[in-house]
N, C-alpha and C. Protein backbone atom coordinates (compact mmCIF):
# COMPACT_ATOMS: atom_id res chain seq x y z
N UNK A 1 -78.69 -49.02 -84.80
CA UNK A 1 -77.97 -48.46 -83.66
C UNK A 1 -78.59 -48.93 -82.35
N UNK A 2 -79.92 -48.87 -82.27
CA UNK A 2 -80.62 -49.26 -81.05
C UNK A 2 -80.51 -50.76 -80.80
N UNK A 3 -80.72 -51.57 -81.83
CA UNK A 3 -80.66 -53.02 -81.67
C UNK A 3 -79.26 -53.47 -81.29
N UNK A 4 -78.24 -52.86 -81.89
CA UNK A 4 -76.86 -53.20 -81.54
C UNK A 4 -76.59 -52.81 -80.10
N UNK A 5 -77.12 -51.65 -79.68
CA UNK A 5 -76.94 -51.21 -78.30
C UNK A 5 -77.60 -52.14 -77.30
N UNK A 6 -78.81 -52.58 -77.59
CA UNK A 6 -79.53 -53.50 -76.70
C UNK A 6 -78.80 -54.84 -76.62
N UNK A 7 -78.26 -55.29 -77.73
CA UNK A 7 -77.49 -56.54 -77.74
C UNK A 7 -76.28 -56.41 -76.82
N UNK A 8 -75.58 -55.27 -76.89
CA UNK A 8 -74.40 -55.06 -76.06
C UNK A 8 -74.78 -54.90 -74.59
N UNK A 9 -75.94 -54.29 -74.32
CA UNK A 9 -76.43 -54.16 -72.95
C UNK A 9 -76.66 -55.54 -72.33
N UNK A 10 -77.23 -56.44 -73.11
CA UNK A 10 -77.46 -57.82 -72.64
C UNK A 10 -76.14 -58.54 -72.40
N UNK A 11 -75.20 -58.36 -73.32
CA UNK A 11 -73.89 -59.00 -73.18
C UNK A 11 -73.20 -58.58 -71.88
N UNK A 12 -73.29 -57.31 -71.52
CA UNK A 12 -72.63 -56.81 -70.32
C UNK A 12 -73.11 -57.55 -69.07
N UNK A 13 -74.40 -57.86 -69.01
CA UNK A 13 -74.93 -58.59 -67.85
C UNK A 13 -74.35 -60.00 -67.78
N UNK A 14 -74.26 -60.66 -68.94
CA UNK A 14 -73.69 -62.01 -68.97
C UNK A 14 -72.22 -61.96 -68.57
N UNK A 15 -71.49 -61.01 -69.12
CA UNK A 15 -70.07 -60.85 -68.82
C UNK A 15 -69.85 -60.57 -67.34
N UNK A 16 -70.71 -59.73 -66.77
CA UNK A 16 -70.62 -59.41 -65.35
C UNK A 16 -70.86 -60.64 -64.48
N UNK A 17 -71.89 -61.41 -64.84
CA UNK A 17 -72.21 -62.61 -64.06
C UNK A 17 -71.04 -63.58 -63.98
N UNK A 18 -70.33 -63.75 -65.08
CA UNK A 18 -69.18 -64.66 -65.09
C UNK A 18 -68.01 -64.07 -64.32
N UNK A 19 -67.74 -62.78 -64.52
CA UNK A 19 -66.60 -62.15 -63.85
C UNK A 19 -66.76 -62.09 -62.34
N UNK A 20 -68.00 -61.99 -61.86
CA UNK A 20 -68.23 -61.93 -60.42
C UNK A 20 -67.82 -63.23 -59.72
N UNK A 21 -67.70 -64.31 -60.48
CA UNK A 21 -67.28 -65.58 -59.89
C UNK A 21 -65.89 -65.47 -59.28
N UNK A 22 -65.08 -64.53 -59.77
CA UNK A 22 -63.73 -64.35 -59.25
C UNK A 22 -63.75 -63.97 -57.77
N UNK A 23 -64.74 -63.16 -57.37
CA UNK A 23 -64.78 -62.71 -55.98
C UNK A 23 -65.87 -63.40 -55.16
N UNK A 24 -66.83 -64.04 -55.83
CA UNK A 24 -67.92 -64.68 -55.10
C UNK A 24 -67.61 -66.12 -54.72
N UNK A 25 -66.59 -66.69 -55.34
CA UNK A 25 -66.24 -68.08 -55.05
C UNK A 25 -64.75 -68.16 -54.68
N UNK A 26 -64.46 -68.82 -53.58
CA UNK A 26 -63.07 -68.91 -53.12
C UNK A 26 -62.22 -69.78 -54.04
N UNK A 27 -62.85 -70.69 -54.73
CA UNK A 27 -62.12 -71.57 -55.64
C UNK A 27 -61.98 -70.90 -57.00
N UNK A 28 -60.77 -70.48 -57.41
CA UNK A 28 -60.59 -69.80 -58.70
C UNK A 28 -60.94 -70.68 -59.89
N UNK A 29 -60.97 -72.00 -59.68
CA UNK A 29 -61.26 -72.90 -60.79
C UNK A 29 -62.71 -72.77 -61.26
N UNK A 30 -63.59 -72.29 -60.40
CA UNK A 30 -64.98 -72.09 -60.82
C UNK A 30 -65.03 -71.05 -61.94
N UNK A 31 -64.32 -69.94 -61.74
CA UNK A 31 -64.26 -68.92 -62.79
C UNK A 31 -63.50 -69.43 -64.01
N UNK A 32 -62.37 -70.11 -63.78
CA UNK A 32 -61.56 -70.61 -64.89
C UNK A 32 -62.34 -71.57 -65.78
N UNK A 33 -63.13 -72.44 -65.15
CA UNK A 33 -63.94 -73.39 -65.94
C UNK A 33 -65.03 -72.66 -66.73
N UNK A 34 -65.64 -71.66 -66.08
CA UNK A 34 -66.69 -70.89 -66.77
C UNK A 34 -66.10 -70.14 -67.96
N UNK A 35 -64.92 -69.54 -67.76
CA UNK A 35 -64.27 -68.81 -68.84
C UNK A 35 -63.84 -69.77 -69.96
N UNK A 36 -63.38 -70.95 -69.56
CA UNK A 36 -62.99 -71.96 -70.56
C UNK A 36 -64.20 -72.40 -71.39
N UNK A 37 -65.32 -72.59 -70.73
CA UNK A 37 -66.55 -72.98 -71.45
C UNK A 37 -66.96 -71.89 -72.43
N UNK A 38 -66.90 -70.63 -71.97
CA UNK A 38 -67.29 -69.52 -72.84
C UNK A 38 -66.34 -69.38 -74.03
N UNK A 39 -65.08 -69.78 -73.84
CA UNK A 39 -64.11 -69.62 -74.90
C UNK A 39 -64.02 -70.78 -75.87
N UNK A 40 -64.62 -71.92 -75.49
CA UNK A 40 -64.48 -73.12 -76.34
C UNK A 40 -65.80 -73.65 -76.89
N UNK A 41 -66.90 -73.28 -76.28
CA UNK A 41 -68.20 -73.77 -76.75
C UNK A 41 -68.49 -73.24 -78.15
N UNK A 42 -68.87 -74.13 -79.06
CA UNK A 42 -69.06 -73.75 -80.46
C UNK A 42 -70.20 -72.74 -80.65
N UNK A 43 -71.28 -72.93 -79.90
CA UNK A 43 -72.41 -72.00 -80.01
C UNK A 43 -72.00 -70.61 -79.56
N UNK A 44 -71.27 -70.55 -78.44
CA UNK A 44 -70.83 -69.26 -77.91
C UNK A 44 -69.81 -68.61 -78.84
N UNK A 45 -69.01 -69.43 -79.52
CA UNK A 45 -68.06 -68.88 -80.49
C UNK A 45 -68.78 -68.15 -81.62
N UNK A 46 -69.93 -68.69 -82.00
CA UNK A 46 -70.73 -68.02 -83.04
C UNK A 46 -71.24 -66.68 -82.51
N UNK A 47 -71.72 -66.70 -81.26
CA UNK A 47 -72.20 -65.45 -80.66
C UNK A 47 -71.07 -64.45 -80.46
N UNK A 48 -69.86 -64.97 -80.30
CA UNK A 48 -68.70 -64.09 -80.17
C UNK A 48 -68.50 -63.28 -81.44
N UNK A 49 -68.69 -63.94 -82.58
CA UNK A 49 -68.59 -63.24 -83.86
C UNK A 49 -69.71 -62.19 -83.96
N UNK A 50 -70.91 -62.58 -83.54
CA UNK A 50 -72.04 -61.66 -83.54
C UNK A 50 -71.76 -60.47 -82.63
N UNK A 51 -71.12 -60.77 -81.48
CA UNK A 51 -70.80 -59.71 -80.52
C UNK A 51 -69.86 -58.68 -81.13
N UNK A 52 -68.79 -59.15 -81.75
CA UNK A 52 -67.87 -58.21 -82.38
C UNK A 52 -68.54 -57.45 -83.52
N UNK A 53 -69.44 -58.15 -84.22
CA UNK A 53 -70.22 -57.47 -85.25
C UNK A 53 -71.09 -56.38 -84.66
N UNK A 54 -71.68 -56.68 -83.49
CA UNK A 54 -72.52 -55.70 -82.79
C UNK A 54 -71.71 -54.48 -82.37
N UNK A 55 -70.50 -54.73 -81.85
CA UNK A 55 -69.61 -53.62 -81.49
C UNK A 55 -69.30 -52.76 -82.71
N UNK A 56 -68.96 -53.43 -83.81
CA UNK A 56 -68.59 -52.73 -85.03
C UNK A 56 -69.74 -51.89 -85.56
N UNK A 57 -70.93 -52.49 -85.61
CA UNK A 57 -72.11 -51.77 -86.08
C UNK A 57 -72.41 -50.56 -85.19
N UNK A 58 -72.31 -50.78 -83.89
CA UNK A 58 -72.60 -49.71 -82.93
C UNK A 58 -71.63 -48.54 -83.14
N UNK A 59 -70.36 -48.84 -83.32
CA UNK A 59 -69.36 -47.80 -83.52
C UNK A 59 -69.56 -47.07 -84.84
N UNK A 60 -69.81 -47.84 -85.92
CA UNK A 60 -70.00 -47.23 -87.24
C UNK A 60 -71.21 -46.31 -87.27
N UNK A 61 -72.34 -46.82 -86.75
CA UNK A 61 -73.55 -45.99 -86.74
C UNK A 61 -73.40 -44.77 -85.84
N UNK A 62 -72.68 -44.93 -84.73
CA UNK A 62 -72.45 -43.79 -83.83
C UNK A 62 -71.66 -42.70 -84.54
N UNK A 63 -70.64 -43.10 -85.29
CA UNK A 63 -69.83 -42.13 -86.03
C UNK A 63 -70.64 -41.45 -87.12
N UNK A 64 -71.46 -42.25 -87.83
CA UNK A 64 -72.30 -41.69 -88.89
C UNK A 64 -73.26 -40.65 -88.33
N UNK A 65 -73.93 -40.99 -87.21
CA UNK A 65 -74.89 -40.07 -86.60
C UNK A 65 -74.21 -38.81 -86.09
N UNK A 66 -73.01 -38.96 -85.51
CA UNK A 66 -72.29 -37.80 -85.00
C UNK A 66 -71.88 -36.86 -86.13
N UNK A 67 -71.38 -37.43 -87.22
CA UNK A 67 -70.99 -36.61 -88.38
C UNK A 67 -72.21 -35.91 -88.97
N UNK A 68 -73.32 -36.62 -89.05
CA UNK A 68 -74.56 -36.00 -89.56
C UNK A 68 -74.98 -34.83 -88.69
N UNK A 69 -74.84 -34.99 -87.38
CA UNK A 69 -75.19 -33.90 -86.46
C UNK A 69 -74.28 -32.70 -86.66
N UNK A 70 -72.98 -32.95 -86.83
CA UNK A 70 -72.04 -31.85 -87.06
C UNK A 70 -72.33 -31.15 -88.38
N UNK A 71 -72.63 -31.92 -89.43
CA UNK A 71 -72.91 -31.33 -90.74
C UNK A 71 -74.22 -30.54 -90.74
N UNK A 72 -75.16 -30.99 -89.93
CA UNK A 72 -76.46 -30.30 -89.87
C UNK A 72 -76.31 -28.90 -89.29
N UNK A 73 -75.34 -28.72 -88.40
CA UNK A 73 -75.07 -27.38 -87.85
C UNK A 73 -73.57 -27.19 -87.75
N UNK A 74 -72.94 -26.79 -88.86
CA UNK A 74 -71.48 -26.59 -88.86
C UNK A 74 -71.01 -25.48 -87.94
N UNK A 75 -71.89 -24.48 -87.69
CA UNK A 75 -71.55 -23.38 -86.79
C UNK A 75 -72.31 -23.55 -85.48
N UNK A 76 -71.60 -23.32 -84.39
CA UNK A 76 -72.24 -23.44 -83.09
C UNK A 76 -73.17 -22.26 -82.85
N UNK A 77 -74.14 -22.45 -81.94
CA UNK A 77 -75.03 -21.36 -81.57
C UNK A 77 -74.23 -20.24 -80.90
N UNK A 78 -74.64 -18.98 -81.14
CA UNK A 78 -73.98 -17.85 -80.49
C UNK A 78 -74.29 -17.84 -78.99
N UNK A 79 -75.49 -18.31 -78.66
CA UNK A 79 -75.90 -18.31 -77.25
C UNK A 79 -76.44 -19.68 -76.91
N UNK A 80 -75.86 -20.30 -75.89
CA UNK A 80 -76.32 -21.62 -75.45
C UNK A 80 -77.46 -21.46 -74.47
N UNK A 81 -78.54 -22.19 -74.67
CA UNK A 81 -79.69 -22.16 -73.77
C UNK A 81 -79.98 -23.56 -73.28
N UNK A 82 -80.81 -23.64 -72.25
CA UNK A 82 -81.19 -24.93 -71.71
C UNK A 82 -82.04 -25.69 -72.72
N UNK A 83 -81.91 -26.99 -72.75
CA UNK A 83 -82.70 -27.81 -73.66
C UNK A 83 -83.14 -29.07 -72.93
N UNK A 84 -83.97 -29.85 -73.60
CA UNK A 84 -84.47 -31.08 -73.00
C UNK A 84 -83.42 -32.19 -72.99
N UNK A 85 -82.34 -32.01 -73.74
CA UNK A 85 -81.32 -33.05 -73.79
C UNK A 85 -80.51 -33.03 -72.50
N UNK A 86 -80.18 -34.22 -72.02
CA UNK A 86 -79.42 -34.33 -70.78
C UNK A 86 -77.94 -34.18 -71.05
N UNK A 87 -77.18 -33.97 -69.96
CA UNK A 87 -75.73 -33.90 -70.09
C UNK A 87 -75.18 -35.22 -70.61
N UNK A 88 -75.83 -36.34 -70.22
CA UNK A 88 -75.40 -37.65 -70.70
C UNK A 88 -75.50 -37.72 -72.22
N UNK A 89 -76.56 -37.12 -72.77
CA UNK A 89 -76.77 -37.14 -74.22
C UNK A 89 -75.73 -36.27 -74.93
N UNK A 90 -75.46 -35.08 -74.38
CA UNK A 90 -74.55 -34.15 -75.03
C UNK A 90 -73.10 -34.66 -75.04
N UNK A 91 -72.77 -35.51 -74.09
CA UNK A 91 -71.39 -36.00 -73.97
C UNK A 91 -71.24 -37.44 -74.42
N UNK A 92 -72.20 -37.95 -75.17
CA UNK A 92 -72.16 -39.36 -75.58
C UNK A 92 -70.91 -39.69 -76.41
N UNK A 93 -70.55 -38.83 -77.35
CA UNK A 93 -69.41 -39.11 -78.20
C UNK A 93 -68.11 -39.11 -77.41
N UNK A 94 -68.04 -38.26 -76.38
CA UNK A 94 -66.83 -38.18 -75.55
C UNK A 94 -66.68 -39.42 -74.67
N UNK A 95 -67.79 -39.82 -74.03
CA UNK A 95 -67.72 -41.03 -73.20
C UNK A 95 -67.48 -42.26 -74.07
N UNK A 96 -68.02 -42.23 -75.31
CA UNK A 96 -67.81 -43.36 -76.22
C UNK A 96 -66.33 -43.52 -76.55
N UNK A 97 -65.62 -42.42 -76.77
CA UNK A 97 -64.19 -42.49 -77.09
C UNK A 97 -63.39 -43.04 -75.91
N UNK A 98 -63.77 -42.64 -74.70
CA UNK A 98 -63.10 -43.15 -73.50
C UNK A 98 -63.35 -44.65 -73.35
N UNK A 99 -64.61 -45.05 -73.55
CA UNK A 99 -64.96 -46.47 -73.44
C UNK A 99 -64.24 -47.29 -74.51
N UNK A 100 -64.13 -46.73 -75.71
CA UNK A 100 -63.43 -47.44 -76.80
C UNK A 100 -61.96 -47.65 -76.45
N UNK A 101 -61.32 -46.62 -75.89
CA UNK A 101 -59.92 -46.75 -75.48
C UNK A 101 -59.77 -47.81 -74.40
N UNK A 102 -60.69 -47.80 -73.43
CA UNK A 102 -60.66 -48.82 -72.37
C UNK A 102 -60.85 -50.21 -72.96
N UNK A 103 -61.79 -50.33 -73.89
CA UNK A 103 -62.08 -51.64 -74.50
C UNK A 103 -60.85 -52.20 -75.20
N UNK A 104 -60.11 -51.34 -75.91
CA UNK A 104 -58.90 -51.79 -76.61
C UNK A 104 -57.87 -52.31 -75.61
N UNK A 105 -57.69 -51.60 -74.51
CA UNK A 105 -56.73 -52.04 -73.48
C UNK A 105 -57.22 -53.31 -72.80
N UNK A 106 -58.52 -53.37 -72.53
CA UNK A 106 -59.10 -54.53 -71.86
C UNK A 106 -58.95 -55.79 -72.71
N UNK A 107 -59.19 -55.68 -74.00
CA UNK A 107 -59.02 -56.82 -74.90
C UNK A 107 -57.57 -57.27 -74.98
N UNK A 108 -56.66 -56.31 -75.00
CA UNK A 108 -55.23 -56.65 -75.05
C UNK A 108 -54.78 -57.33 -73.77
N UNK A 109 -55.33 -56.89 -72.63
CA UNK A 109 -54.91 -57.43 -71.34
C UNK A 109 -55.47 -58.82 -71.05
N UNK A 110 -56.70 -59.08 -71.52
CA UNK A 110 -57.35 -60.33 -71.13
C UNK A 110 -57.74 -61.21 -72.32
N UNK A 111 -58.54 -60.67 -73.22
CA UNK A 111 -59.11 -61.49 -74.30
C UNK A 111 -58.04 -62.09 -75.20
N UNK A 112 -57.14 -61.24 -75.71
CA UNK A 112 -56.14 -61.74 -76.66
C UNK A 112 -55.11 -62.63 -75.98
N UNK A 113 -54.81 -62.35 -74.73
CA UNK A 113 -53.89 -63.22 -74.00
C UNK A 113 -54.49 -64.61 -73.82
N UNK A 114 -55.79 -64.65 -73.52
CA UNK A 114 -56.46 -65.94 -73.36
C UNK A 114 -56.58 -66.67 -74.70
N UNK A 115 -56.85 -65.92 -75.76
CA UNK A 115 -57.04 -66.52 -77.07
C UNK A 115 -55.75 -67.09 -77.65
N UNK A 116 -54.66 -66.38 -77.43
CA UNK A 116 -53.40 -66.76 -78.08
C UNK A 116 -52.41 -67.40 -77.11
N UNK A 117 -52.93 -67.89 -76.00
CA UNK A 117 -52.14 -68.73 -75.13
C UNK A 117 -51.08 -68.05 -74.29
N UNK A 118 -51.20 -66.75 -74.05
CA UNK A 118 -50.22 -66.05 -73.22
C UNK A 118 -50.65 -66.06 -71.75
N UNK A 119 -51.26 -67.17 -71.35
CA UNK A 119 -51.73 -67.33 -69.97
C UNK A 119 -51.39 -68.74 -69.52
N UNK A 120 -50.93 -68.87 -68.27
CA UNK A 120 -50.59 -70.19 -67.75
C UNK A 120 -51.81 -71.09 -67.63
N UNK A 121 -51.59 -72.39 -67.72
CA UNK A 121 -52.69 -73.35 -67.59
C UNK A 121 -52.82 -73.82 -66.15
N UNK A 122 -53.99 -74.32 -65.82
CA UNK A 122 -54.25 -74.87 -64.50
C UNK A 122 -53.91 -76.36 -64.51
N UNK A 123 -54.25 -77.03 -63.41
CA UNK A 123 -54.01 -78.48 -63.34
C UNK A 123 -54.91 -79.24 -64.31
N UNK A 124 -55.99 -78.60 -64.75
CA UNK A 124 -56.89 -79.22 -65.72
C UNK A 124 -56.42 -78.86 -67.12
N UNK A 125 -56.19 -79.85 -67.93
CA UNK A 125 -55.62 -79.64 -69.26
C UNK A 125 -56.49 -78.72 -70.12
N UNK A 126 -55.85 -77.73 -70.70
CA UNK A 126 -56.54 -76.82 -71.61
C UNK A 126 -57.24 -75.66 -70.94
N UNK A 127 -57.35 -75.67 -69.62
CA UNK A 127 -58.05 -74.60 -68.90
C UNK A 127 -57.03 -73.56 -68.45
N UNK A 128 -57.13 -72.35 -68.99
CA UNK A 128 -56.19 -71.29 -68.66
C UNK A 128 -56.50 -70.71 -67.28
N UNK A 129 -55.45 -70.28 -66.61
CA UNK A 129 -55.60 -69.70 -65.27
C UNK A 129 -55.86 -68.20 -65.38
N UNK A 130 -57.03 -67.85 -65.91
CA UNK A 130 -57.39 -66.44 -66.09
C UNK A 130 -57.65 -65.76 -64.75
N UNK A 131 -58.07 -66.52 -63.75
CA UNK A 131 -58.34 -65.95 -62.43
C UNK A 131 -57.06 -65.32 -61.87
N UNK A 132 -55.95 -66.03 -62.00
CA UNK A 132 -54.67 -65.50 -61.49
C UNK A 132 -54.25 -64.26 -62.27
N UNK A 133 -54.51 -64.25 -63.58
CA UNK A 133 -54.20 -63.09 -64.40
C UNK A 133 -54.97 -61.87 -63.91
N UNK A 134 -56.27 -62.06 -63.64
CA UNK A 134 -57.11 -60.96 -63.16
C UNK A 134 -56.65 -60.49 -61.79
N UNK A 135 -56.40 -61.42 -60.89
CA UNK A 135 -55.98 -61.06 -59.54
C UNK A 135 -54.65 -60.31 -59.56
N UNK A 136 -53.71 -60.75 -60.39
CA UNK A 136 -52.42 -60.06 -60.50
C UNK A 136 -52.59 -58.64 -61.01
N UNK A 137 -53.47 -58.46 -62.01
CA UNK A 137 -53.70 -57.13 -62.57
C UNK A 137 -54.28 -56.19 -61.52
N UNK A 138 -55.21 -56.71 -60.72
CA UNK A 138 -55.89 -55.87 -59.75
C UNK A 138 -55.15 -55.74 -58.43
N UNK A 139 -53.89 -56.17 -58.41
CA UNK A 139 -53.01 -55.86 -57.29
C UNK A 139 -52.29 -54.53 -57.53
N UNK A 140 -52.41 -54.01 -58.76
CA UNK A 140 -51.74 -52.76 -59.12
C UNK A 140 -52.71 -51.59 -58.94
N UNK A 141 -52.41 -50.67 -58.03
CA UNK A 141 -53.36 -49.57 -57.75
C UNK A 141 -53.69 -48.72 -58.97
N UNK A 142 -52.69 -48.45 -59.82
CA UNK A 142 -52.95 -47.65 -61.01
C UNK A 142 -53.94 -48.30 -61.94
N UNK A 143 -53.83 -49.61 -62.11
CA UNK A 143 -54.74 -50.34 -62.98
C UNK A 143 -56.15 -50.36 -62.38
N UNK A 144 -56.24 -50.48 -61.06
CA UNK A 144 -57.56 -50.48 -60.39
C UNK A 144 -58.25 -49.14 -60.60
N UNK A 145 -57.51 -48.05 -60.41
CA UNK A 145 -58.08 -46.71 -60.59
C UNK A 145 -58.54 -46.51 -62.03
N UNK A 146 -57.71 -46.91 -62.98
CA UNK A 146 -58.06 -46.79 -64.40
C UNK A 146 -59.31 -47.60 -64.72
N UNK A 147 -59.38 -48.82 -64.21
CA UNK A 147 -60.50 -49.72 -64.47
C UNK A 147 -61.80 -49.15 -63.91
N UNK A 148 -61.75 -48.68 -62.64
CA UNK A 148 -62.94 -48.12 -62.00
C UNK A 148 -63.40 -46.85 -62.72
N UNK A 149 -62.45 -45.96 -63.04
CA UNK A 149 -62.79 -44.72 -63.74
C UNK A 149 -63.42 -45.00 -65.10
N UNK A 150 -62.90 -45.99 -65.81
CA UNK A 150 -63.43 -46.34 -67.13
C UNK A 150 -64.87 -46.80 -67.03
N UNK A 151 -65.20 -47.58 -66.00
CA UNK A 151 -66.57 -48.05 -65.87
C UNK A 151 -67.52 -46.95 -65.39
N UNK A 152 -66.99 -45.95 -64.70
CA UNK A 152 -67.84 -44.81 -64.35
C UNK A 152 -68.22 -44.06 -65.62
N UNK A 153 -67.25 -43.87 -66.52
CA UNK A 153 -67.56 -43.24 -67.81
C UNK A 153 -68.51 -44.10 -68.63
N UNK A 154 -68.33 -45.43 -68.55
CA UNK A 154 -69.26 -46.32 -69.24
C UNK A 154 -70.67 -46.14 -68.68
N UNK A 155 -70.77 -45.93 -67.37
CA UNK A 155 -72.08 -45.70 -66.75
C UNK A 155 -72.76 -44.47 -67.33
N UNK A 156 -72.00 -43.39 -67.52
CA UNK A 156 -72.55 -42.18 -68.14
C UNK A 156 -73.07 -42.49 -69.55
N UNK A 157 -72.33 -43.33 -70.25
CA UNK A 157 -72.70 -43.71 -71.61
C UNK A 157 -73.96 -44.59 -71.60
N UNK A 158 -74.01 -45.52 -70.65
CA UNK A 158 -75.12 -46.47 -70.60
C UNK A 158 -76.44 -45.82 -70.20
N UNK A 159 -76.39 -44.90 -69.26
CA UNK A 159 -77.63 -44.37 -68.70
C UNK A 159 -78.45 -43.65 -69.77
N UNK A 160 -77.76 -43.01 -70.72
CA UNK A 160 -78.48 -42.39 -71.84
C UNK A 160 -78.74 -43.40 -72.96
N UNK A 161 -77.72 -44.24 -73.24
CA UNK A 161 -77.86 -45.21 -74.32
C UNK A 161 -79.02 -46.17 -74.09
N UNK A 162 -79.19 -46.61 -72.85
CA UNK A 162 -80.29 -47.52 -72.50
C UNK A 162 -81.64 -46.87 -72.83
N UNK A 163 -81.80 -45.62 -72.40
CA UNK A 163 -83.07 -44.93 -72.63
C UNK A 163 -83.32 -44.65 -74.11
N UNK A 164 -82.30 -44.16 -74.81
CA UNK A 164 -82.50 -43.78 -76.21
C UNK A 164 -82.74 -45.00 -77.09
N UNK A 165 -82.15 -46.16 -76.72
CA UNK A 165 -82.35 -47.37 -77.53
C UNK A 165 -83.82 -47.75 -77.57
N UNK A 166 -84.46 -47.75 -76.40
CA UNK A 166 -85.87 -48.13 -76.34
C UNK A 166 -86.78 -47.03 -76.90
N UNK A 167 -86.38 -45.79 -76.74
CA UNK A 167 -87.17 -44.70 -77.31
C UNK A 167 -87.17 -44.79 -78.83
N UNK A 168 -86.03 -45.12 -79.41
CA UNK A 168 -85.92 -45.24 -80.86
C UNK A 168 -86.82 -46.34 -81.39
N UNK A 169 -87.03 -47.37 -80.57
CA UNK A 169 -87.88 -48.48 -80.98
C UNK A 169 -89.37 -48.18 -80.76
N UNK A 170 -89.68 -46.98 -80.29
CA UNK A 170 -91.08 -46.56 -80.16
C UNK A 170 -91.63 -46.53 -78.76
N UNK A 171 -90.84 -46.95 -77.76
CA UNK A 171 -91.33 -46.95 -76.38
C UNK A 171 -91.05 -45.58 -75.75
N UNK A 172 -91.77 -44.58 -76.24
CA UNK A 172 -91.54 -43.21 -75.80
C UNK A 172 -92.87 -42.50 -75.59
N UNK A 173 -93.46 -42.72 -74.43
CA UNK A 173 -94.71 -42.05 -74.08
C UNK A 173 -94.80 -41.93 -72.56
N UNK A 174 -95.89 -41.37 -72.07
CA UNK A 174 -96.02 -41.12 -70.64
C UNK A 174 -96.04 -42.39 -69.80
N UNK A 175 -96.42 -43.50 -70.43
CA UNK A 175 -96.49 -44.76 -69.70
C UNK A 175 -95.13 -45.43 -69.60
N UNK A 176 -94.45 -45.55 -70.74
CA UNK A 176 -93.21 -46.32 -70.79
C UNK A 176 -91.97 -45.52 -70.39
N UNK A 177 -91.92 -44.24 -70.72
CA UNK A 177 -90.71 -43.45 -70.50
C UNK A 177 -90.25 -43.44 -69.04
N UNK A 178 -91.14 -43.18 -68.06
CA UNK A 178 -90.67 -43.20 -66.66
C UNK A 178 -90.12 -44.57 -66.24
N UNK A 179 -90.74 -45.64 -66.73
CA UNK A 179 -90.28 -46.99 -66.40
C UNK A 179 -88.89 -47.24 -66.98
N UNK A 180 -88.71 -46.83 -68.24
CA UNK A 180 -87.42 -47.01 -68.90
C UNK A 180 -86.34 -46.20 -68.20
N UNK A 181 -86.69 -44.99 -67.75
CA UNK A 181 -85.72 -44.15 -67.04
C UNK A 181 -85.26 -44.81 -65.75
N UNK A 182 -86.21 -45.38 -65.01
CA UNK A 182 -85.86 -46.06 -63.75
C UNK A 182 -85.02 -47.30 -64.04
N UNK A 183 -85.42 -48.08 -65.06
CA UNK A 183 -84.67 -49.29 -65.42
C UNK A 183 -83.26 -48.94 -65.86
N UNK A 184 -83.08 -47.83 -66.58
CA UNK A 184 -81.75 -47.43 -67.04
C UNK A 184 -80.84 -47.11 -65.86
N UNK A 185 -81.41 -46.47 -64.84
CA UNK A 185 -80.62 -46.14 -63.64
C UNK A 185 -80.25 -47.40 -62.88
N UNK A 186 -81.23 -48.30 -62.69
CA UNK A 186 -80.97 -49.55 -61.98
C UNK A 186 -79.95 -50.41 -62.72
N UNK A 187 -80.12 -50.50 -64.04
CA UNK A 187 -79.20 -51.28 -64.85
C UNK A 187 -77.78 -50.73 -64.74
N UNK A 188 -77.64 -49.42 -64.85
CA UNK A 188 -76.33 -48.79 -64.79
C UNK A 188 -75.67 -49.01 -63.43
N UNK A 189 -76.46 -48.88 -62.36
CA UNK A 189 -75.92 -49.10 -61.02
C UNK A 189 -75.43 -50.53 -60.86
N UNK A 190 -76.21 -51.50 -61.36
CA UNK A 190 -75.83 -52.91 -61.26
C UNK A 190 -74.55 -53.19 -62.04
N UNK A 191 -74.51 -52.74 -63.29
CA UNK A 191 -73.36 -53.02 -64.15
C UNK A 191 -72.09 -52.32 -63.64
N UNK A 192 -72.19 -51.01 -63.41
CA UNK A 192 -71.02 -50.27 -62.95
C UNK A 192 -70.60 -50.72 -61.55
N UNK A 193 -71.59 -50.90 -60.66
CA UNK A 193 -71.28 -51.35 -59.31
C UNK A 193 -70.64 -52.72 -59.30
N UNK A 194 -71.17 -53.63 -60.12
CA UNK A 194 -70.64 -54.99 -60.17
C UNK A 194 -69.23 -55.05 -60.72
N UNK A 195 -69.00 -54.39 -61.85
CA UNK A 195 -67.67 -54.43 -62.46
C UNK A 195 -66.62 -53.71 -61.62
N UNK A 196 -67.00 -52.60 -60.99
CA UNK A 196 -66.01 -51.87 -60.17
C UNK A 196 -65.76 -52.58 -58.85
N UNK A 197 -66.72 -53.36 -58.38
CA UNK A 197 -66.52 -54.10 -57.13
C UNK A 197 -65.41 -55.14 -57.27
N UNK A 198 -65.26 -55.72 -58.45
CA UNK A 198 -64.28 -56.79 -58.66
C UNK A 198 -62.85 -56.32 -58.38
N UNK A 199 -62.36 -55.25 -59.03
CA UNK A 199 -60.98 -54.80 -58.73
C UNK A 199 -60.82 -54.28 -57.30
N UNK A 200 -61.84 -53.62 -56.78
CA UNK A 200 -61.74 -53.06 -55.42
C UNK A 200 -61.64 -54.17 -54.38
N UNK A 201 -62.50 -55.19 -54.51
CA UNK A 201 -62.48 -56.31 -53.56
C UNK A 201 -61.15 -57.05 -53.65
N UNK A 202 -60.69 -57.32 -54.86
CA UNK A 202 -59.42 -58.05 -55.03
C UNK A 202 -58.25 -57.26 -54.47
N UNK A 203 -58.23 -55.95 -54.72
CA UNK A 203 -57.12 -55.11 -54.25
C UNK A 203 -57.03 -55.08 -52.73
N UNK A 204 -58.19 -55.00 -52.06
CA UNK A 204 -58.18 -54.83 -50.60
C UNK A 204 -58.26 -56.16 -49.85
N UNK A 205 -58.33 -57.27 -50.57
CA UNK A 205 -58.33 -58.57 -49.89
C UNK A 205 -56.96 -58.89 -49.29
């Protein structure tokens, strides 16, 4: 569960770096070429399979752990008291379901359209015009709100997931824990801030 989570955390940074090209470069072909490379490079195609495997493992283990927790205490406490667990931890399964729903819509809107040719090509043969697809999507206010809200929920999921992944691997003591907590906040701010900036900038341009 932890290793799959760390793998997905790393993937998000790579994905963010490529997506930011849409707003950081005036020439949409820079992003289109980068996306084309990511979609056609044989090495990256192998990692794509690993990525989906990582998603699948993460989801399966999350469900197993949640069911085990429910079975361990089938009846709720009569009186709820404060505990060391954070709100992010207690709501992990709920934010996970929201993120999963967003992921399904996101894949349908972008990934599968690019994979199965439902996107116009650019002047360069074989290079799909994904930049125009993204810009068109983010001209719709409802889609922008949905996209931003989904990444805020992802942030809630990440801030706990980042910390628990490293704690599970043994980095849980007075020296490492404060550092991991700070890194989890910085990472979440970068990822959520970066991904939400893309639709907002495009919409208001």
